[in-house]
Protein backbone atom coordinates (compact mmCIF):
# COMPACT_ATOMS: atom_id res chain seq x y z
CA ILE A 1 37.97 -36.16 2.28
CA LEU A 2 41.03 -37.94 3.95
CA THR A 3 39.31 -36.83 7.20
CA TYR A 4 36.21 -38.42 6.30
CA ASN A 5 37.52 -41.37 4.83
CA GLY A 6 38.84 -42.17 8.16
CA LEU A 7 36.00 -41.36 9.85
CA VAL A 8 33.84 -43.53 7.78
CA VAL A 9 36.29 -46.30 8.39
CA PHE A 10 36.41 -45.87 12.23
CA ARG A 11 32.35 -46.15 11.90
CA ASN A 12 32.39 -49.47 10.00
CA ARG A 13 34.83 -50.76 12.63
CA ALA A 14 32.40 -49.66 15.56
CA LYS A 15 29.54 -51.35 13.63
CA GLU A 16 31.32 -54.64 13.49
CA ALA A 17 32.52 -54.60 16.80
CA TRP A 18 29.05 -54.19 18.19
CA ALA A 19 27.89 -56.73 15.70
CA ASP A 20 30.77 -58.90 17.68
CA ILE A 21 29.29 -58.21 20.39
CA ASP A 22 25.72 -59.47 19.76
CA VAL A 23 26.88 -62.51 18.63
CA GLN A 24 28.73 -63.37 21.76
CA LEU A 25 25.59 -62.01 23.65
CA LYS A 26 23.40 -64.26 21.69
CA ARG A 27 25.64 -67.20 22.38
CA ARG A 28 25.70 -66.55 26.36
CA TYR A 29 21.58 -66.04 25.90
CA ASP A 30 21.53 -69.61 24.09
CA LEU A 31 23.64 -71.25 26.96
CA ILE A 32 21.91 -69.79 30.07
CA PRO A 33 18.76 -72.43 29.92
CA ASN A 34 21.03 -75.32 29.71
CA LEU A 35 23.04 -74.05 32.97
CA VAL A 36 19.87 -73.47 34.69
CA GLU A 37 18.71 -76.76 33.87
CA THR A 38 22.03 -78.30 35.20
CA VAL A 39 21.93 -76.83 38.49
CA LYS A 40 18.16 -77.65 38.92
CA GLY A 41 19.41 -81.14 38.77
CA TYR A 42 21.34 -80.66 41.94
CA ALA A 43 19.73 -77.74 43.44
CA SER A 44 15.88 -78.39 43.37
CA HIS A 45 15.10 -75.95 46.11
CA GLU A 46 16.50 -73.25 44.25
CA ARG A 47 13.30 -72.23 42.72
CA GLU A 48 13.34 -68.19 43.56
CA LEU A 49 16.95 -68.07 41.90
CA PHE A 50 16.30 -69.95 38.58
CA GLU A 51 12.96 -67.39 37.89
CA LYS A 52 15.74 -64.47 38.73
CA VAL A 53 18.03 -65.81 36.43
CA THR A 54 15.27 -66.40 33.30
CA GLU A 55 13.68 -62.92 34.22
CA ALA A 56 17.29 -61.21 33.75
CA ARG A 57 17.99 -63.39 30.40
CA ALA A 58 14.51 -61.99 29.52
CA ARG A 59 15.34 -58.84 30.09
CA ALA A 60 18.86 -58.45 28.96
CA MET A 61 17.14 -59.92 25.21
CA GLY A 62 14.89 -57.16 24.63
CA ALA A 63 16.43 -54.36 26.08
CA GLY A 64 16.36 -51.75 23.55
CA ASN A 65 18.89 -48.76 23.66
CA MET A 66 22.86 -49.20 24.86
CA LYS A 67 22.44 -47.80 28.14
CA GLU A 68 19.13 -50.49 29.27
CA ARG A 69 20.95 -52.92 27.34
CA GLY A 70 24.13 -52.12 29.69
CA GLU A 71 22.15 -52.17 33.00
CA ALA A 72 20.44 -55.49 31.53
CA GLU A 73 23.70 -57.26 30.86
CA ASN A 74 25.11 -55.85 34.42
CA ALA A 75 22.07 -57.20 36.23
CA LEU A 76 21.87 -60.82 34.49
CA SER A 77 25.67 -61.06 35.01
CA GLN A 78 25.04 -60.74 39.02
CA THR A 79 22.39 -63.57 38.75
CA LEU A 80 24.75 -65.68 37.22
CA LYS A 81 27.24 -64.88 39.60
CA THR A 82 24.76 -66.43 42.40
CA LEU A 83 23.93 -69.34 40.28
CA PHE A 84 27.69 -70.29 39.55
CA ALA A 85 27.75 -70.08 43.90
CA VAL A 86 24.69 -72.32 44.24
CA ALA A 87 26.71 -74.84 41.59
CA GLU A 88 29.53 -74.69 43.47
CA ASN A 89 27.96 -75.75 46.48
CA TYR A 90 26.75 -78.70 44.58
CA PRO A 91 30.23 -80.26 42.87
CA GLN A 92 28.83 -83.45 41.97
């Protein structure tokens, strides 16, 4: 019974950790449109990049299983890095 209880505790901790991750990812998804709008004001010629960021965000939000979610998050992170690089080119 002790082993079972220990496993239940670990399972619950894992669920809580994933829930915390989901909250942070949702927060990230909610902030992305604001970031894109801010950068658009300075770099209006970067339309393709903005579309890529929007598509990557949509893919990440709609990912089903953990593998798809991980791949979608990696793609989103890469497009955000590019967006940050563009923002750094327009420091005003």
